[in-house]
PDB file of N, CA and C in Angstrom:
ATOM      1  N   MET A   1     -59.002  -6.812 -19.170  1.00  0.00           N
ATOM      2  CA  MET A   1     -58.323  -7.772 -18.013  1.00  0.00           C
ATOM      3  C   MET A   1     -57.158  -8.490 -18.639  1.00  0.00           C
ATOM      4  N   ARG A   2     -57.841  -9.338 -19.440  1.00  0.00           N
ATOM      5  CA  ARG A   2     -57.103 -10.216 -20.268  1.00  0.00           C
ATOM      6  C   ARG A   2     -56.100  -9.691 -21.287  1.00  0.00           C
ATOM      7  N   THR A   3     -56.133  -8.634 -21.504  1.00  0.00           N
ATOM      8  CA  THR A   3     -55.278  -8.099 -22.307  1.00  0.00           C
ATOM      9  C   THR A   3     -53.800  -7.501 -21.363  1.00  0.00           C
ATOM     10  N   ILE A   4     -54.089  -7.195 -20.355  1.00  0.00           N
ATOM     11  CA  ILE A   4     -53.100  -7.022 -19.358  1.00  0.00           C
ATOM     12  C   ILE A   4     -52.049  -8.123 -19.188  1.00  0.00           C
ATOM     13  N   PHE A   5     -53.141  -8.983 -18.960  1.00  0.00           N
ATOM     14  CA  PHE A   5     -52.105 -10.601 -18.517  1.00  0.00           C
ATOM     15  C   PHE A   5     -51.437 -11.034 -19.667  1.00  0.00           C
ATOM     16  N   THR A   6     -51.963 -10.879 -20.933  1.00  0.00           N
ATOM     17  CA  THR A   6     -51.543 -11.207 -22.203  1.00  0.00           C
ATOM     18  C   THR A   6     -49.978 -10.156 -22.486  1.00  0.00           C
ATOM     19  N   ILE A   7     -50.290  -9.007 -22.290  1.00  0.00           N
ATOM     20  CA  ILE A   7     -49.114  -8.207 -22.059  1.00  0.00           C
ATOM     21  C   ILE A   7     -48.024  -8.645 -20.976  1.00  0.00           C
ATOM     22  N   ALA A   8     -48.571  -8.721 -19.897  1.00  0.00           N
ATOM     23  CA  ALA A   8     -47.347  -9.078 -19.118  1.00  0.00           C
ATOM     24  C   ALA A   8     -46.851 -10.675 -19.219  1.00  0.00           C
ATOM     25  N   PHE A   9     -47.257 -11.221 -19.984  1.00  0.00           N
ATOM     26  CA  PHE A   9     -47.184 -12.780 -19.969  1.00  0.00           C
ATOM     27  C   PHE A   9     -45.849 -12.635 -21.057  1.00  0.00           C
ATOM     28  N   CYS A  10     -46.111 -11.630 -22.424  1.00  0.00           N
ATOM     29  CA  CYS A  10     -45.457 -11.779 -23.153  1.00  0.00           C
ATOM     30  C   CYS A  10     -43.917 -10.962 -22.900  1.00  0.00           C
ATOM     31  N   LEU A  11     -44.110  -9.762 -21.996  1.00  0.00           N
ATOM     32  CA  LEU A  11     -43.102  -9.213 -21.286  1.00  0.00           C
ATOM     33  C   LEU A  11     -42.088 -10.073 -20.611  1.00  0.00           C
ATOM     34  N   LEU A  12     -42.566 -11.057 -19.788  1.00  0.00           N
ATOM     35  CA  LEU A  12     -42.205 -11.848 -19.111  1.00  0.00           C
ATOM     36  C   LEU A  12     -41.223 -12.751 -20.034  1.00  0.00           C
ATOM     37  N   ILE A  13     -42.060 -13.390 -21.281  1.00  0.00           N
ATOM     38  CA  ILE A  13     -41.195 -14.155 -22.016  1.00  0.00           C
ATOM     39  C   ILE A  13     -39.899 -13.558 -22.631  1.00  0.00           C
ATOM     40  N   ALA A  14     -40.250 -12.307 -22.860  1.00  0.00           N
ATOM     41  CA  ALA A  14     -39.200 -11.585 -23.601  1.00  0.00           C
ATOM     42  C   ALA A  14     -38.010 -11.460 -22.642  1.00  0.00           C
ATOM     43  N   VAL A  15     -37.958 -11.110 -21.965  1.00  0.00           N
ATOM     44  CA  VAL A  15     -37.238 -10.797 -20.188  1.00  0.00           C
ATOM     45  C   VAL A  15     -36.146 -12.253 -20.469  1.00  0.00           C
ATOM     46  N   ALA A  16     -37.424 -13.368 -20.332  1.00  0.00           N
ATOM     47  CA  ALA A  16     -36.639 -14.571 -19.903  1.00  0.00           C
ATOM     48  C   ALA A  16     -35.524 -14.988 -21.101  1.00  0.00           C
ATOM     49  N   LEU A  17     -36.085 -14.868 -22.484  1.00  0.00           N
ATOM     50  CA  LEU A  17     -35.232 -14.885 -23.455  1.00  0.00           C
ATOM     51  C   LEU A  17     -34.139 -14.189 -23.811  1.00  0.00           C
ATOM     52  N   GLY A  18     -34.185 -12.801 -23.322  1.00  0.00           N
ATOM     53  CA  GLY A  18     -33.415 -11.883 -23.444  1.00  0.00           C
ATOM     54  C   GLY A  18     -32.095 -12.109 -22.269  1.00  0.00           C
ATOM     55  N   THR A  19     -32.267 -12.639 -21.108  1.00  0.00           N
ATOM     56  CA  THR A  19     -31.209 -12.630 -20.267  1.00  0.00           C
ATOM     57  C   THR A  19     -30.283 -13.765 -20.650  1.00  0.00           C
ATOM     58  N   PRO A  20     -28.991 -13.841 -20.270  1.00  0.00           N
ATOM     59  CA  PRO A  20     -28.235 -14.936 -20.464  1.00  0.00           C
ATOM     60  C   PRO A  20     -28.019 -15.867 -19.329  1.00  0.00           C
ATOM     61  N   SER A  21     -28.403 -17.159 -19.589  1.00  0.00           N
ATOM     62  CA  SER A  21     -28.481 -18.350 -18.771  1.00  0.00           C
ATOM     63  C   SER A  21     -27.028 -18.349 -18.195  1.00  0.00           C
ATOM     64  N   THR A  22     -27.138 -18.578 -16.801  1.00  0.00           N
ATOM     65  CA  THR A  22     -25.945 -18.881 -15.839  1.00  0.00           C
ATOM     66  C   THR A  22     -25.468 -20.381 -16.059  1.00  0.00           C
ATOM     67  N   THR A  23     -26.331 -21.144 -16.852  1.00  0.00           N
ATOM     68  CA  THR A  23     -26.049 -22.538 -16.978  1.00  0.00           C
ATOM     69  C   THR A  23     -25.236 -22.714 -18.550  1.00  0.00           C
ATOM     70  N   GLN A  24     -24.919 -21.668 -19.244  1.00  0.00           N
ATOM     71  CA  GLN A  24     -24.479 -21.799 -20.309  1.00  0.00           C
ATOM     72  C   GLN A  24     -23.001 -22.240 -20.351  1.00  0.00           C
ATOM     73  N   ALA A  25     -22.448 -22.906 -20.922  1.00  0.00           N
ATOM     74  CA  ALA A  25     -21.192 -23.680 -20.877  1.00  0.00           C
ATOM     75  C   ALA A  25     -20.093 -22.643 -20.885  1.00  0.00           C
ATOM     76  N   ALA A  26     -19.166 -22.544 -19.867  1.00  0.00           N
ATOM     77  CA  ALA A  26     -18.043 -21.706 -19.775  1.00  0.00           C
ATOM     78  C   ALA A  26     -17.171 -22.090 -21.143  1.00  0.00           C
ATOM     79  N   LYS A  27     -16.347 -20.984 -21.516  1.00  0.00           N
ATOM     80  CA  LYS A  27     -15.364 -21.446 -22.762  1.00  0.00           C
ATOM     81  C   LYS A  27     -14.119 -21.788 -21.912  1.00  0.00           C
ATOM     82  N   ASP A  28     -13.675 -22.726 -22.864  1.00  0.00           N
ATOM     83  CA  ASP A  28     -12.109 -23.177 -22.304  1.00  0.00           C
ATOM     84  C   ASP A  28     -11.126 -22.454 -22.870  1.00  0.00           C
ATOM     85  N   VAL A  29     -10.175 -22.036 -22.089  1.00  0.00           N
ATOM     86  CA  VAL A  29      -9.130 -21.176 -22.238  1.00  0.00           C
ATOM     87  C   VAL A  29      -7.853 -22.083 -22.321  1.00  0.00           C
ATOM     88  N   MET A  30      -6.778 -21.528 -23.081  1.00  0.00           N
ATOM     89  CA  MET A  30      -5.114 -22.096 -22.846  1.00  0.00           C
ATOM     90  C   MET A  30      -4.551 -21.422 -22.306  1.00  0.00           C
ATOM     91  N   LEU A  31      -3.840 -21.972 -20.978  1.00  0.00           N
ATOM     92  CA  LEU A  31      -2.931 -21.059 -20.648  1.00  0.00           C
ATOM     93  C   LEU A  31      -1.562 -21.837 -20.782  1.00  0.00           C
ATOM     94  N   THR A  32      -0.197 -21.343 -20.819  1.00  0.00           N
ATOM     95  CA  THR A  32       1.019 -22.022 -21.190  1.00  0.00           C
ATOM     96  C   THR A  32       2.002 -21.230 -20.071  1.00  0.00           C
ATOM     97  N   GLY A  33       2.737 -21.752 -19.303  1.00  0.00           N
ATOM     98  CA  GLY A  33       3.681 -21.514 -18.290  1.00  0.00           C
ATOM     99  C   GLY A  33       4.091 -22.570 -17.571  1.00  0.00           C
ATOM    100  N   LYS A  34       4.515 -22.354 -16.606  1.00  0.00           N
ATOM    101  CA  LYS A  34       5.069 -23.261 -15.675  1.00  0.00           C
ATOM    102  C   LYS A  34       4.203 -23.857 -15.047  1.00  0.00           C
ATOM    103  N   ILE A  35       3.940 -25.630 -15.307  1.00  0.00           N
ATOM    104  CA  ILE A  35       3.108 -25.938 -14.386  1.00  0.00           C
ATOM    105  C   ILE A  35       3.968 -26.770 -13.125  1.00  0.00           C
ATOM    106  N   THR A  36       3.703 -26.548 -11.807  1.00  0.00           N
ATOM    107  CA  THR A  36       4.401 -26.866 -10.791  1.00  0.00           C
ATOM    108  C   THR A  36       3.835 -26.987  -9.481  1.00  0.00           C
ATOM    109  N   CYS A  37       4.359 -27.104  -8.165  1.00  0.00           N
ATOM    110  CA  CYS A  37       3.984 -27.355  -7.010  1.00  0.00           C
ATOM    111  C   CYS A  37       3.761 -26.113  -6.247  1.00  0.00           C
ATOM    112  N   ALA A  38       2.480 -25.679  -5.452  1.00  0.00           N
ATOM    113  CA  ALA A  38       2.605 -24.331  -4.803  1.00  0.00           C
ATOM    114  C   ALA A  38       3.107 -24.354  -3.653  1.00  0.00           C
ATOM    115  N   LYS A  39       3.492 -25.573  -3.288  1.00  0.00           N
ATOM    116  CA  LYS A  39       4.215 -25.961  -1.768  1.00  0.00           C
ATOM    117  C   LYS A  39       5.453 -26.022  -1.984  1.00  0.00           C
ATOM    118  N   CYS A  40       6.169 -27.064  -2.512  1.00  0.00           N
ATOM    119  CA  CYS A  40       7.649 -27.632  -2.873  1.00  0.00           C
ATOM    120  C   CYS A  40       7.983 -26.563  -3.450  1.00  0.00           C
ATOM    121  N   GLU A  41       7.766 -25.891  -4.606  1.00  0.00           N
ATOM    122  CA  GLU A  41       8.758 -24.904  -5.522  1.00  0.00           C
ATOM    123  C   GLU A  41       8.256 -23.565  -5.080  1.00  0.00           C
ATOM    124  N   LEU A  42       7.082 -22.887  -5.088  1.00  0.00           N
ATOM    125  CA  LEU A  42       6.973 -21.694  -4.838  1.00  0.00           C
ATOM    126  C   LEU A  42       6.572 -21.573  -3.429  1.00  0.00           C
ATOM    127  N   LYS A  43       6.300 -22.209  -2.529  1.00  0.00           N
ATOM    128  CA  LYS A  43       6.520 -22.140  -1.254  1.00  0.00           C
ATOM    129  C   LYS A  43       4.961 -21.007  -0.725  1.00  0.00           C
ATOM    130  N   LEU A  44       4.036 -21.472  -1.573  1.00  0.00           N
ATOM    131  CA  LEU A  44       2.908 -20.634  -1.341  1.00  0.00           C
ATOM    132  C   LEU A  44       1.991 -21.277  -0.517  1.00  0.00           C
ATOM    133  N   GLU A  45       1.897 -22.556  -0.191  1.00  0.00           N
ATOM    134  CA  GLU A  45       0.871 -23.150   0.409  1.00  0.00           C
ATOM    135  C   GLU A  45       1.656 -24.182   1.473  1.00  0.00           C
ATOM    136  N   LYS A  46       0.730 -24.635   2.430  1.00  0.00           N
ATOM    137  CA  LYS A  46       1.363 -25.465   3.470  1.00  0.00           C
ATOM    138  C   LYS A  46       1.268 -26.919   2.793  1.00  0.00           C
ATOM    139  N   ASP A  47       0.467 -26.999   1.823  1.00  0.00           N
ATOM    140  CA  ASP A  47      -0.282 -29.074   1.236  1.00  0.00           C
ATOM    141  C   ASP A  47       0.301 -28.313  -0.024  1.00  0.00           C
ATOM    142  N   CYS A  48       0.633 -29.521  -0.579  1.00  0.00           N
ATOM    143  CA  CYS A  48       0.774 -29.816  -2.184  1.00  0.00           C
ATOM    144  C   CYS A  48      -0.222 -28.968  -2.790  1.00  0.00           C
ATOM    145  N   ALA A  49      -0.050 -28.596  -4.015  1.00  0.00           N
ATOM    146  CA  ALA A  49      -1.176 -27.967  -4.928  1.00  0.00           C
ATOM    147  C   ALA A  49      -0.529 -27.740  -6.256  1.00  0.00           C
ATOM    148  N   THR A  50      -0.977 -28.165  -7.180  1.00  0.00           N
ATOM    149  CA  THR A  50      -0.701 -28.219  -8.753  1.00  0.00           C
ATOM    150  C   THR A  50      -1.364 -26.850  -9.137  1.00  0.00           C
ATOM    151  N   VAL A  51      -0.433 -26.287  -9.496  1.00  0.00           N
ATOM    152  CA  VAL A  51      -0.776 -24.924 -10.266  1.00  0.00           C
ATOM    153  C   VAL A  51       0.186 -24.592 -11.492  1.00  0.00           C
ATOM    154  N   ILE A  52      -0.294 -23.729 -12.475  1.00  0.00           N
ATOM    155  CA  ILE A  52       0.383 -23.101 -13.527  1.00  0.00           C
ATOM    156  C   ILE A  52       0.555 -21.572 -13.421  1.00  0.00           C
ATOM    157  N   VAL A  53       1.978 -21.384 -13.542  1.00  0.00           N
ATOM    158  CA  VAL A  53       2.354 -20.073 -13.249  1.00  0.00           C
ATOM    159  C   VAL A  53       2.231 -19.571 -14.564  1.00  0.00           C
ATOM    160  N   VAL A  54       1.621 -18.100 -15.016  1.00  0.00           N
ATOM    161  CA  VAL A  54       1.740 -17.712 -16.220  1.00  0.00           C
ATOM    162  C   VAL A  54       2.019 -16.237 -16.281  1.00  0.00           C
ATOM    163  N   LYS A  55       2.654 -15.595 -17.281  1.00  0.00           N
ATOM    164  CA  LYS A  55       3.115 -14.334 -17.387  1.00  0.00           C
ATOM    165  C   LYS A  55       2.147 -13.715 -18.065  1.00  0.00           C
ATOM    166  N   GLU A  56       1.371 -12.581 -17.244  1.00  0.00           N
ATOM    167  CA  GLU A  56       0.218 -11.653 -17.533  1.00  0.00           C
ATOM    168  C   GLU A  56       0.809 -10.458 -17.145  1.00  0.00           C
ATOM    169  N   GLY A  57       0.521  -9.515 -18.541  1.00  0.00           N
ATOM    170  CA  GLY A  57       1.080  -8.156 -18.172  1.00  0.00           C
ATOM    171  C   GLY A  57       2.419  -7.710 -17.408  1.00  0.00           C
ATOM    172  N   GLY A  58       3.451  -8.592 -17.844  1.00  0.00           N
ATOM    173  CA  GLY A  58       4.519  -8.463 -17.177  1.00  0.00           C
ATOM    174  C   GLY A  58       4.851  -9.264 -15.828  1.00  0.00           C
ATOM    175  N   LYS A  59       3.876  -9.613 -15.285  1.00  0.00           N
ATOM    176  CA  LYS A  59       3.921 -10.302 -13.820  1.00  0.00           C
ATOM    177  C   LYS A  59       3.377 -11.689 -13.792  1.00  0.00           C
ATOM    178  N   ASP A  60       3.664 -12.414 -12.528  1.00  0.00           N
ATOM    179  CA  ASP A  60       3.419 -13.871 -12.646  1.00  0.00           C
ATOM    180  C   ASP A  60       1.704 -13.957 -12.080  1.00  0.00           C
ATOM    181  N   THR A  61       1.113 -14.584 -12.610  1.00  0.00           N
ATOM    182  CA  THR A  61      -0.137 -15.097 -12.270  1.00  0.00           C
ATOM    183  C   THR A  61      -0.327 -16.605 -12.121  1.00  0.00           C
ATOM    184  N   VAL A  62      -0.861 -16.939 -10.910  1.00  0.00           N
ATOM    185  CA  VAL A  62      -0.950 -18.292 -10.363  1.00  0.00           C
ATOM    186  C   VAL A  62      -2.400 -18.857 -10.632  1.00  0.00           C
ATOM    187  N   TYR A  63      -2.480 -19.777 -11.559  1.00  0.00           N
ATOM    188  CA  TYR A  63      -3.900 -20.684 -11.193  1.00  0.00           C
ATOM    189  C   TYR A  63      -3.599 -21.977 -11.071  1.00  0.00           C
ATOM    190  N   TYR A  64      -4.518 -21.961  -9.796  1.00  0.00           N
ATOM    191  CA  TYR A  64      -4.668 -23.862  -9.157  1.00  0.00           C
ATOM    192  C   TYR A  64      -5.376 -24.278  -9.775  1.00  0.00           C
ATOM    193  N   PHE A  65      -4.909 -25.502  -9.774  1.00  0.00           N
ATOM    194  CA  PHE A  65      -5.911 -26.723 -10.301  1.00  0.00           C
ATOM    195  C   PHE A  65      -6.979 -27.162  -9.682  1.00  0.00           C
ATOM    196  N   ASP A  66      -8.024 -27.232 -10.074  1.00  0.00           N
ATOM    197  CA  ASP A  66      -9.303 -28.113  -9.148  1.00  0.00           C
ATOM    198  C   ASP A  66      -8.618 -29.131  -8.698  1.00  0.00           C
ATOM    199  N   GLU A  67      -9.267 -29.670  -7.861  1.00  0.00           N
ATOM    200  CA  GLU A  67      -9.155 -30.672  -7.043  1.00  0.00           C
ATOM    201  C   GLU A  67      -8.855 -32.102  -7.609  1.00  0.00           C
ATOM    202  N   LYS A  68      -9.837 -32.182  -8.583  1.00  0.00           N
ATOM    203  CA  LYS A  68      -9.799 -33.802  -9.491  1.00  0.00           C
ATOM    204  C   LYS A  68      -8.594 -33.418 -10.483  1.00  0.00           C
ATOM    205  N   SER A  69      -8.098 -32.248 -11.006  1.00  0.00           N
ATOM    206  CA  SER A  69      -6.841 -31.803 -11.835  1.00  0.00           C
ATOM    207  C   SER A  69      -5.433 -32.170 -11.255  1.00  0.00           C
ATOM    208  N   HIS A  70      -5.905 -31.791 -10.097  1.00  0.00           N
ATOM    209  CA  HIS A  70      -4.475 -31.649  -9.082  1.00  0.00           C
ATOM    210  C   HIS A  70      -4.142 -33.043  -8.731  1.00  0.00           C
ATOM    211  N   LYS A  71      -5.081 -33.871  -8.452  1.00  0.00           N
ATOM    212  CA  LYS A  71      -4.771 -35.359  -8.230  1.00  0.00           C
ATOM    213  C   LYS A  71      -4.360 -35.993  -9.123  1.00  0.00           C
ATOM    214  N   ALA A  72      -4.782 -35.830 -10.405  1.00  0.00           N
ATOM    215  CA  ALA A  72      -4.475 -36.421 -11.666  1.00  0.00           C
ATOM    216  C   ALA A  72      -3.034 -36.071 -12.141  1.00  0.00           C
ATOM    217  N   ASN A  73      -2.530 -34.744 -11.787  1.00  0.00           N
ATOM    218  CA  ASN A  73      -1.033 -34.414 -12.620  1.00  0.00           C
ATOM    219  C   ASN A  73      -0.182 -34.033 -11.730  1.00  0.00           C
ATOM    220  N   HIS A  74      -0.420 -33.977 -10.313  1.00  0.00           N
ATOM    221  CA  HIS A  74       0.713 -33.715  -9.256  1.00  0.00           C
ATOM    222  C   HIS A  74       1.786 -34.626  -9.250  1.00  0.00           C
ATOM    223  N   ASP A  75       1.964 -35.771  -9.422  1.00  0.00           N
ATOM    224  CA  ASP A  75       2.812 -36.762  -9.327  1.00  0.00           C
ATOM    225  C   ASP A  75       4.081 -36.182 -10.343  1.00  0.00           C
ATOM    226  N   ALA A  76       3.464 -35.601 -11.708  1.00  0.00           N
ATOM    227  CA  ALA A  76       4.692 -35.491 -12.722  1.00  0.00           C
ATOM    228  C   ALA A  76       5.470 -33.927 -12.374  1.00  0.00           C
ATOM    229  N   ILE A  77       4.629 -33.317 -11.369  1.00  0.00           N
ATOM    230  CA  ILE A  77       5.456 -31.858 -11.312  1.00  0.00           C
ATOM    231  C   ILE A  77       5.842 -31.385  -9.701  1.00  0.00           C
ATOM    232  N   CYS A  78       5.683 -32.519  -8.837  1.00  0.00           N
ATOM    233  CA  CYS A  78       5.950 -32.074  -7.603  1.00  0.00           C
ATOM    234  C   CYS A  78       7.489 -32.167  -7.470  1.00  0.00           C
ATOM    235  N   GLN A  79       8.052 -31.444  -6.954  1.00  0.00           N
ATOM    236  CA  GLN A  79       9.616 -31.353  -6.897  1.00  0.00           C
ATOM    237  C   GLN A  79      10.324 -30.450  -7.829  1.00  0.00           C
ATOM    238  N   MET A  80       9.804 -30.824  -9.185  1.00  0.00           N
ATOM    239  CA  MET A  80      10.642 -30.222 -10.262  1.00  0.00           C
ATOM    240  C   MET A  80       9.777 -29.737 -11.242  1.00  0.00           C
ATOM    241  N   GLY A  81       8.985 -28.513 -11.420  1.00  0.00           N
ATOM    242  CA  GLY A  81       8.148 -28.205 -12.375  1.00  0.00           C
ATOM    243  C   GLY A  81       8.307 -28.096 -13.933  1.00  0.00           C
ATOM    244  N   LYS A  82       7.443 -28.261 -14.524  1.00  0.00           N
ATOM    245  CA  LYS A  82       7.817 -28.549 -16.341  1.00  0.00           C
ATOM    246  C   LYS A  82       6.893 -27.479 -16.706  1.00  0.00           C
ATOM    247  N   GLU A  83       7.421 -26.959 -17.723  1.00  0.00           N
ATOM    248  CA  GLU A  83       6.661 -25.945 -19.146  1.00  0.00           C
ATOM    249  C   GLU A  83       5.531 -26.763 -19.686  1.00  0.00           C
ATOM    250  N   GLY A  84       4.557 -26.070 -19.940  1.00  0.00           N
ATOM    251  CA  GLY A  84       3.409 -26.810 -20.464  1.00  0.00           C
ATOM    252  C   GLY A  84       2.248 -26.044 -20.612  1.00  0.00           C
ATOM    253  N   THR A  85       1.228 -26.262 -21.595  1.00  0.00           N
ATOM    254  CA  THR A  85       0.000 -25.728 -21.626  1.00  0.00           C
ATOM    255  C   THR A  85      -1.274 -26.593 -21.103  1.00  0.00           C
ATOM    256  N   VAL A  86      -2.204 -25.654 -20.385  1.00  0.00           N
ATOM    257  CA  VAL A  86      -3.407 -26.532 -19.910  1.00  0.00           C
ATOM    258  C   VAL A  86      -4.306 -25.797 -20.518  1.00  0.00           C
ATOM    259  N   THR A  87      -5.338 -26.446 -20.768  1.00  0.00           N
ATOM    260  CA  THR A  87      -6.720 -26.095 -21.256  1.00  0.00           C
ATOM    261  C   THR A  87      -7.828 -26.521 -20.072  1.00  0.00           C
ATOM    262  N   GLY A  88      -8.953 -25.541 -19.996  1.00  0.00           N
ATOM    263  CA  GLY A  88      -9.715 -25.748 -19.067  1.00  0.00           C
ATOM    264  C   GLY A  88     -10.456 -24.443 -18.956  1.00  0.00           C
ATOM    265  N   THR A  89     -11.496 -24.405 -17.845  1.00  0.00           N
ATOM    266  CA  THR A  89     -12.293 -23.583 -17.442  1.00  0.00           C
ATOM    267  C   THR A  89     -11.952 -22.694 -16.310  1.00  0.00           C
ATOM    268  N   LEU A  90     -12.001 -21.361 -16.724  1.00  0.00           N
ATOM    269  CA  LEU A  90     -11.409 -20.636 -15.090  1.00  0.00           C
ATOM    270  C   LEU A  90     -12.444 -20.374 -14.408  1.00  0.00           C
ATOM    271  N   SER A  91     -12.415 -19.978 -12.954  1.00  0.00           N
ATOM    272  CA  SER A  91     -12.736 -19.714 -12.050  1.00  0.00           C
ATOM    273  C   SER A  91     -12.047 -19.029 -10.759  1.00  0.00           C
ATOM    274  N   GLU A  92     -12.864 -18.055  -9.801  1.00  0.00           N
ATOM    275  CA  GLU A  92     -12.560 -17.636  -9.069  1.00  0.00           C
ATOM    276  C   GLU A  92     -13.138 -17.751  -7.448  1.00  0.00           C
ATOM    277  N   LYS A  93     -12.198 -18.094  -6.470  1.00  0.00           N
ATOM    278  CA  LYS A  93     -12.670 -18.504  -5.274  1.00  0.00           C
ATOM    279  C   LYS A  93     -11.735 -18.035  -4.037  1.00  0.00           C
ATOM    280  N   ASP A  94     -12.127 -17.219  -2.928  1.00  0.00           N
ATOM    281  CA  ASP A  94     -11.444 -16.714  -1.888  1.00  0.00           C
ATOM    282  C   ASP A  94      -9.888 -15.969  -2.524  1.00  0.00           C
ATOM    283  N   GLY A  95     -10.316 -15.264  -3.724  1.00  0.00           N
ATOM    284  CA  GLY A  95      -9.131 -14.443  -4.416  1.00  0.00           C
ATOM    285  C   GLY A  95      -7.975 -15.013  -4.636  1.00  0.00           C
ATOM    286  N   LYS A  96      -8.390 -16.399  -5.313  1.00  0.00           N
ATOM    287  CA  LYS A  96      -7.494 -17.176  -5.939  1.00  0.00           C
ATOM    288  C   LYS A  96      -7.940 -17.702  -7.242  1.00  0.00           C
ATOM    289  N   LYS A  97      -7.641 -17.857  -8.255  1.00  0.00           N
ATOM    290  CA  LYS A  97      -7.806 -18.152  -9.655  1.00  0.00           C
ATOM    291  C   LYS A  97      -7.675 -19.669  -9.777  1.00  0.00           C
ATOM    292  N   TYR A  98      -8.669 -20.398 -10.157  1.00  0.00           N
ATOM    293  CA  TYR A  98      -8.495 -21.916 -10.380  1.00  0.00           C
ATOM    294  C   TYR A  98      -8.993 -21.942 -12.029  1.00  0.00           C
ATOM    295  N   ILE A  99      -8.376 -22.967 -12.163  1.00  0.00           N
ATOM    296  CA  ILE A  99      -8.863 -23.840 -13.869  1.00  0.00           C
ATOM    297  C   ILE A  99      -9.239 -25.320 -13.575  1.00  0.00           C
ATOM    298  N   ALA A 100     -10.303 -25.467 -14.030  1.00  0.00           N
ATOM    299  CA  ALA A 100     -10.818 -27.133 -14.084  1.00  0.00           C
ATOM    300  C   ALA A 100     -10.175 -27.502 -15.550  1.00  0.00           C
ATOM    301  N   VAL A 101      -9.314 -28.184 -15.451  1.00  0.00           N
ATOM    302  CA  VAL A 101      -8.383 -28.592 -16.464  1.00  0.00           C
ATOM    303  C   VAL A 101      -9.245 -29.926 -17.108  1.00  0.00           C
ATOM    304  N   THR A 102      -9.053 -29.603 -18.507  1.00  0.00           N
ATOM    305  CA  THR A 102      -9.620 -30.503 -19.141  1.00  0.00           C
ATOM    306  C   THR A 102      -8.274 -31.359 -20.401  1.00  0.00           C
ATOM    307  N   LYS A 103      -7.536 -30.785 -20.332  1.00  0.00           N
ATOM    308  CA  LYS A 103      -6.047 -31.032 -20.986  1.00  0.00           C
ATOM    309  C   LYS A 103      -4.888 -30.479 -20.671  1.00  0.00           C
ATOM    310  N   VAL A 104      -3.912 -31.516 -20.386  1.00  0.00           N
ATOM    311  CA  VAL A 104      -2.218 -30.885 -20.087  1.00  0.00           C
ATOM    312  C   VAL A 104      -1.501 -31.611 -21.008  1.00  0.00           C
ATOM    313  N   THR A 105      -0.847 -30.458 -21.468  1.00  0.00           N
ATOM    314  CA  THR A 105       0.390 -30.709 -22.284  1.00  0.00           C
ATOM    315  C   THR A 105       1.641 -30.390 -21.765  1.00  0.00           C
ATOM    316  N   PHE A 106       2.654 -31.299 -21.548  1.00  0.00           N
ATOM    317  CA  PHE A 106       4.122 -30.796 -21.245  1.00  0.00           C
ATOM    318  C   PHE A 106       4.925 -30.838 -22.154  1.00  0.00           C
ATOM    319  N   LYS A 107       5.795 -29.585 -22.428  1.00  0.00           N
ATOM    320  CA  LYS A 107       6.854 -29.399 -23.494  1.00  0.00           C
ATOM    321  C   LYS A 107       7.819 -30.561 -23.212  1.00  0.00           C
ATOM    322  N   LYS A 108       8.585 -30.812 -24.128  1.00  0.00           N
ATOM    323  CA  LYS A 108       9.394 -31.854 -24.298  1.00  0.00           C
ATOM    324  C   LYS A 108      10.800 -31.369 -24.562  1.00  0.00           C
TER     325      LYS A 108
END
């Protein structure tokens, strides 16, 4: 009986160590494109939303900034977008792609 418990415990540890953790840090990605407003310029939303439009596979893909990033960067691009690069972690919610921005660089 003790042997069965030992084997079961070892299998449990092996499975736990072999399974990737969902708390692992997501890797940052860098997106380059036009940083603009989804309402004012793109007419996609009823309220202002900071986005970056990236060419992927020959078509435009829109990545919405998360709420914190939107508030921090929106004044610079509302009414007139700017080319730039955004670094952050990607996610998806309700069919929209989001980026939690860690760095924004506008082209001069």
